[in-house]
Amino acid sequence: MKTPVTVLGLGAMGTALARAFLAAGHPTTVWNRTPGRSPELDTELGAIRAATAAEAIAASPLVVVCLLVDDTVRSTLDGIDLTGTTIVNLTNSTPGQARATAERVATAGAQYVDGGIMAVPAMIGGPAAFIFYSGVPEAFEQHRADLSVLARPEYVGADPGLAALYDIALLSAMYGMFGGAQHALALIGTENVPAEPFTERFLLPWLTAMLGSLPRIAKDLDNGPSDTAGSNLEMQAAAFDNLTDASRAQGVDPMLLEPMGGLLRKAVAAGHGDADLAALIGLLRIPAV
């Protein structure tokens, strides 16, 4: 018999998680703060719907939490005896929040694993989805096979805050990339250039090609800069004003671009004009007080 699982939270992602567990044959108990959410889980797919969070947690040794925010996780779990359970928290959080939740869960008698879902609900159970995990290594290994039905599991360390850190790092890269792409589409749209062919023929291939430089940037960051910069920062800083000036002239707010221009100028002023893009990363780090 497969491990009984409880899913707390039946938003779009929580419902997708419950569906994946049910499809894989796990006895699945579900609970949501608003009763009646996703009725097909129990009326059609065989889930057991609990009336309270405490009842849901008592039903399974593996409890997967997917709520809206960290405050909701705290208000849901606080005061409940968690003895003997493994809590896997897939709610989006910060590293500090994950560490604090780990402490509370351990005090309540459970093992804690934090997670960061790198997928949208429709991807859960499919080959492209993966989930970062961190926390008690024994608890993760015990339930690795159970969690694999959701997505490819990527365990990144015993520190419970690491999964959230990896998650936020990747989401930061995604939003930065989409921000640049949205600016590009706003810009070409000022001349009534159709967005779809521009994206398919030029924007996507260009971004894909530029992403190929990331391993070199990472290598320079880890091992020190290479001998020569492929495109030095002084040149990039000098040319960057054209991006913001042209945007304003076309009636597009350059708010998404201006921070990068400021960072380039800061790098040149700090003596990194001959360096490559990896030199910018150190300038983003705020010195510890």
Protein backbone atom coordinates (compact mmCIF):
# COMPACT_ATOMS: atom_id res chain seq x y z
CA MET A 1 0.00 0.00 0.00
CA LYS A 2 1.33 3.42 -0.92
CA THR A 3 2.00 6.05 1.72
CA PRO A 4 -1.14 7.89 2.85
CA VAL A 5 -0.76 11.60 2.13
CA THR A 6 -2.55 14.71 3.36
CA VAL A 7 -2.68 17.88 1.28
CA LEU A 8 -3.46 21.12 3.13
CA GLY A 9 -4.64 23.84 0.77
CA LEU A 10 -6.69 23.35 -2.38
CA GLY A 11 -5.87 26.34 -4.51
CA ALA A 12 -4.86 25.67 -8.09
CA MET A 13 -1.48 24.24 -7.08
CA GLY A 14 -2.72 22.31 -4.05
CA THR A 15 -5.45 20.73 -6.15
CA ALA A 16 -2.87 19.72 -8.76
CA LEU A 17 -0.73 18.12 -6.05
CA ALA A 18 -3.70 16.18 -4.66
CA ARG A 19 -4.65 15.02 -8.14
CA ALA A 20 -1.11 13.72 -8.74
CA PHE A 21 -1.07 11.76 -5.48
CA LEU A 22 -4.48 10.25 -6.24
CA ALA A 23 -3.45 9.35 -9.80
CA ALA A 24 -0.41 7.52 -8.39
CA GLY A 25 -2.57 5.50 -6.01
CA HIS A 26 -1.81 7.26 -2.71
CA PRO A 27 -4.66 7.36 -0.17
CA THR A 28 -5.13 11.12 -0.03
CA THR A 29 -6.80 13.28 2.58
CA VAL A 30 -7.49 16.91 1.68
CA TRP A 31 -8.38 20.03 3.64
CA ASN A 32 -8.99 23.64 2.70
CA ARG A 33 -9.77 26.65 4.86
CA THR A 34 -12.81 27.36 2.69
CA PRO A 35 -14.95 24.19 2.73
CA GLY A 36 -16.00 22.61 -0.54
CA ARG A 37 -13.07 23.76 -2.68
CA SER A 38 -12.26 21.40 -5.59
CA PRO A 39 -15.21 19.04 -4.94
CA GLU A 40 -14.14 16.62 -7.67
CA LEU A 41 -11.27 15.42 -5.49
CA ASP A 42 -13.59 13.54 -3.12
CA THR A 43 -16.75 13.16 -5.22
CA GLU A 44 -14.99 11.73 -8.29
CA LEU A 45 -11.34 10.94 -7.56
CA GLY A 46 -11.53 9.23 -4.17
CA ALA A 47 -9.93 11.70 -1.79
CA ILE A 48 -11.05 11.90 1.83
CA ARG A 49 -12.10 15.41 2.83
CA ALA A 50 -11.27 16.35 6.42
CA ALA A 51 -13.36 18.82 8.37
CA THR A 52 -10.39 20.36 10.20
CA ALA A 53 -6.66 20.76 9.67
CA ALA A 54 -5.98 18.69 12.79
CA GLU A 55 -8.14 15.85 11.46
CA ALA A 56 -6.37 16.00 8.11
CA ILE A 57 -2.89 15.93 9.69
CA ALA A 58 -3.80 12.99 11.92
CA ALA A 59 -4.81 10.97 8.87
CA SER A 60 -1.37 10.65 7.25
CA PRO A 61 2.32 10.32 8.07
CA LEU A 62 3.17 12.64 5.14
CA VAL A 63 1.55 16.09 5.17
CA VAL A 64 2.07 18.36 2.17
CA VAL A 65 1.25 22.01 2.85
CA CYS A 66 0.45 24.34 -0.06
CA LEU A 67 -1.18 27.48 1.29
CA LEU A 68 -1.14 31.10 0.17
CA VAL A 69 1.52 32.68 2.39
CA ASP A 70 3.72 31.89 5.38
CA ASP A 71 1.29 33.52 7.85
CA THR A 72 -1.39 31.07 6.73
CA VAL A 73 0.97 28.14 7.28
CA ARG A 74 1.69 29.34 10.80
CA SER A 75 -1.96 29.89 11.71
CA THR A 76 -2.91 26.50 10.29
CA LEU A 77 -0.22 24.41 12.01
CA ASP A 78 0.19 26.20 15.33
CA GLY A 79 -1.41 24.38 18.23
CA ILE A 80 -1.72 21.03 16.44
CA ASP A 81 0.18 17.97 17.66
CA LEU A 82 2.41 16.97 14.74
CA THR A 83 4.14 14.07 16.48
CA GLY A 84 5.29 11.37 14.09
CA THR A 85 4.53 13.24 10.88
CA THR A 86 6.71 14.65 8.15
CA ILE A 87 5.64 18.14 7.12
CA VAL A 88 6.59 19.08 3.56
CA ASN A 89 5.86 22.76 3.10
CA LEU A 90 5.50 23.76 -0.54
CA THR A 91 4.13 27.23 0.23
CA ASN A 92 6.16 30.01 -1.35
CA SER A 93 8.33 31.56 1.38
CA THR A 94 11.64 33.22 2.15
CA PRO A 95 14.64 31.34 3.56
CA GLY A 96 14.07 32.99 6.95
CA GLN A 97 10.42 32.00 7.01
CA ALA A 98 11.31 28.41 6.11
CA ARG A 99 13.85 28.20 8.95
CA ALA A 100 11.35 29.61 11.45
CA THR A 101 8.67 27.12 10.30
CA ALA A 102 11.19 24.29 10.63
CA GLU A 103 11.80 25.25 14.27
CA ARG A 104 8.08 25.39 15.09
CA VAL A 105 7.40 22.07 13.37
CA ALA A 106 10.29 20.35 15.17
CA THR A 107 9.00 21.69 18.50
CA ALA A 108 5.59 20.19 17.67
CA GLY A 109 7.15 16.75 17.16
CA ALA A 110 7.47 16.49 13.37
CA GLN A 111 10.25 16.34 10.81
CA TYR A 112 10.35 19.25 8.38
CA VAL A 113 11.16 19.50 4.70
CA ASP A 114 10.73 22.76 2.82
CA GLY A 115 10.12 22.93 -0.91
CA GLY A 116 10.07 25.30 -3.86
CA ILE A 117 7.88 24.30 -6.80
CA MET A 118 9.36 25.12 -10.19
CA ALA A 119 6.21 24.56 -12.22
CA VAL A 120 2.74 25.87 -12.84
CA PRO A 121 -0.20 23.64 -11.78
CA ALA A 122 -0.67 22.12 -15.23
CA MET A 123 2.93 20.85 -15.17
CA ILE A 124 2.57 18.87 -11.93
CA GLY A 125 3.08 15.17 -12.59
CA GLY A 126 4.75 15.90 -15.92
CA PRO A 127 8.37 15.55 -17.05
CA ALA A 128 9.25 19.27 -17.13
CA ALA A 129 8.37 20.05 -13.51
CA PHE A 130 10.83 19.90 -10.63
CA ILE A 131 10.71 20.82 -6.96
CA PHE A 132 13.58 21.95 -4.74
CA TYR A 133 13.67 20.36 -1.29
CA SER A 134 15.74 21.10 1.81
CA GLY A 135 15.53 20.11 5.45
CA VAL A 136 15.84 16.88 7.42
CA PRO A 137 17.69 14.55 5.02
CA GLU A 138 16.29 11.34 6.52
CA ALA A 139 12.73 12.60 6.12
CA PHE A 140 13.35 13.54 2.51
CA GLU A 141 14.90 10.18 1.67
CA GLN A 142 12.04 8.35 3.38
CA HIS A 143 9.52 10.11 1.15
CA ARG A 144 11.57 10.68 -2.01
CA ALA A 145 9.53 8.15 -3.99
CA ASP A 146 6.24 9.59 -2.70
CA LEU A 147 7.25 13.14 -3.68
CA SER A 148 8.51 12.00 -7.08
CA VAL A 149 4.92 11.60 -8.30
CA LEU A 150 4.58 15.40 -8.15
CA ALA A 151 7.73 16.36 -10.04
CA ARG A 152 11.43 15.58 -10.22
CA PRO A 153 12.77 16.08 -6.67
CA GLU A 154 15.95 18.14 -6.29
CA TYR A 155 17.33 17.97 -2.75
CA VAL A 156 19.67 20.92 -2.10
CA GLY A 157 20.72 20.54 1.53
CA ALA A 158 19.88 20.11 5.20
CA ASP A 159 19.43 23.85 5.81
CA PRO A 160 15.63 24.24 5.51
CA GLY A 161 16.05 27.71 3.97
CA LEU A 162 17.94 26.53 0.89
CA ALA A 163 14.95 25.35 -1.16
CA ALA A 164 13.33 28.78 -0.77
CA LEU A 165 16.61 30.46 -1.75
CA TYR A 166 16.93 28.37 -4.92
CA ASP A 167 13.26 28.99 -5.72
CA ILE A 168 13.53 32.77 -5.32
CA ALA A 169 16.77 32.86 -7.30
CA LEU A 170 15.15 31.14 -10.29
CA LEU A 171 11.99 33.23 -10.05
CA SER A 172 14.13 36.38 -9.94
CA ALA A 173 15.82 35.33 -13.17
CA MET A 174 12.44 34.57 -14.75
CA TYR A 175 10.93 37.94 -13.86
CA GLY A 176 14.03 39.76 -15.06
CA MET A 177 13.90 37.92 -18.37
CA PHE A 178 10.18 38.52 -18.84
CA GLY A 179 10.59 42.16 -17.83
CA GLY A 180 13.09 42.68 -20.64
CA ALA A 181 10.90 40.80 -23.09
CA GLN A 182 7.84 42.85 -22.13
CA HIS A 183 9.79 46.06 -22.66
CA ALA A 184 10.86 44.81 -26.09
CA LEU A 185 7.28 44.02 -27.07
CA ALA A 186 6.07 47.41 -25.81
CA LEU A 187 8.80 49.07 -27.88
CA ILE A 188 8.16 47.38 -31.20
CA GLY A 189 4.42 47.79 -30.67
CA THR A 190 4.82 51.57 -30.91
CA GLU A 191 5.33 51.09 -34.65
CA ASN A 192 2.51 48.55 -34.99
CA VAL A 193 4.91 45.66 -35.48
CA PRO A 194 2.94 42.43 -34.83
CA ALA A 195 4.12 40.84 -31.59
CA GLU A 196 3.75 37.16 -32.50
CA PRO A 197 6.03 36.96 -35.56
CA PHE A 198 8.56 39.30 -33.92
CA THR A 199 8.65 37.02 -30.87
CA GLU A 200 8.94 33.77 -32.80
CA ARG A 201 11.41 34.95 -35.43
CA PHE A 202 13.64 37.29 -33.44
CA LEU A 203 12.97 37.68 -29.69
CA LEU A 204 12.95 34.02 -28.65
CA PRO A 205 16.03 33.02 -30.73
CA TRP A 206 17.94 36.07 -29.45
CA LEU A 207 17.17 35.35 -25.79
CA THR A 208 18.01 31.68 -26.28
CA ALA A 209 21.38 32.58 -27.79
CA MET A 210 22.16 35.05 -25.00
CA LEU A 211 21.30 32.50 -22.32
CA GLY A 212 24.19 30.45 -23.64
CA SER A 213 26.58 32.96 -22.05
CA LEU A 214 25.36 32.18 -18.50
CA PRO A 215 27.76 29.24 -17.90
CA ARG A 216 30.73 31.48 -18.76
CA ILE A 217 29.47 34.19 -16.40
CA ALA A 218 29.06 31.59 -13.65
CA LYS A 219 32.55 30.23 -14.31
CA ASP A 220 34.04 33.74 -14.06
CA LEU A 221 32.14 34.26 -10.80
CA ASP A 222 33.43 31.01 -9.28
CA ASN A 223 36.99 31.07 -10.59
CA GLY A 224 37.81 34.69 -11.28
CA PRO A 225 37.49 36.57 -14.57
CA SER A 226 38.93 35.28 -17.81
CA ASP A 227 41.78 37.17 -19.42
CA THR A 228 39.67 39.27 -21.75
CA ALA A 229 36.08 40.45 -21.60
CA GLY A 230 33.97 39.50 -24.56
CA SER A 231 32.00 42.73 -24.25
CA ASN A 232 33.50 45.05 -21.63
CA LEU A 233 31.34 47.03 -19.24
CA GLU A 234 32.67 50.45 -20.25
CA MET A 235 31.42 49.91 -23.80
CA GLN A 236 28.09 48.59 -22.57
CA ALA A 237 27.60 51.51 -20.19
CA ALA A 238 28.35 54.03 -22.94
CA ALA A 239 25.81 52.46 -25.28
CA PHE A 240 23.10 51.82 -22.69
CA ASP A 241 21.68 55.35 -22.78
CA ASN A 242 20.52 54.65 -26.33
CA LEU A 243 18.13 52.04 -24.95
CA THR A 244 16.48 54.41 -22.49
CA ASP A 245 16.57 57.44 -24.82
CA ALA A 246 14.99 55.52 -27.69
CA SER A 247 12.35 54.09 -25.35
CA ARG A 248 11.28 57.53 -24.16
CA ALA A 249 11.24 58.82 -27.73
CA GLN A 250 8.90 55.94 -28.66
CA GLY A 251 6.64 56.64 -25.68
CA VAL A 252 7.73 53.61 -23.62
CA ASP A 253 8.64 53.96 -19.94
CA PRO A 254 12.22 52.61 -19.46
CA MET A 255 11.58 51.78 -15.79
CA LEU A 256 12.54 48.13 -16.34
CA LEU A 257 15.84 49.04 -18.02
CA GLU A 258 17.11 51.95 -15.94
CA PRO A 259 18.37 49.90 -12.97
CA MET A 260 20.71 47.95 -15.26
CA GLY A 261 22.06 51.17 -16.73
CA GLY A 262 22.75 52.47 -13.25
CA LEU A 263 24.54 49.25 -12.32
CA LEU A 264 26.73 49.41 -15.44
CA ARG A 265 27.76 52.99 -14.64
CA LYS A 266 28.45 52.02 -11.02
CA ALA A 267 30.72 49.21 -12.21
CA VAL A 268 32.69 51.51 -14.49
CA ALA A 269 33.05 54.10 -11.72
CA ALA A 270 34.37 51.35 -9.42
CA GLY A 271 37.11 50.47 -11.89
CA HIS A 272 35.48 47.48 -13.61
CA GLY A 273 35.25 49.03 -17.07
CA ASP A 274 37.46 46.34 -18.62
CA ALA A 275 35.52 43.51 -16.93
CA ASP A 276 32.63 41.40 -18.17
CA LEU A 277 29.09 40.91 -16.80
CA ALA A 278 30.18 38.72 -13.89
CA ALA A 279 31.68 41.83 -12.26
CA LEU A 280 28.17 43.24 -11.77
CA ILE A 281 27.13 40.49 -9.39
CA GLY A 282 29.43 41.57 -6.59
CA LEU A 283 28.02 45.09 -6.78
CA LEU A 284 24.54 43.76 -6.03
CA ARG A 285 25.56 42.29 -2.68
CA ILE A 286 24.80 44.46 0.31
CA PRO A 287 27.62 44.34 2.90
CA ALA A 288 26.58 42.71 6.16
CA VAL A 289 26.10 45.14 9.03
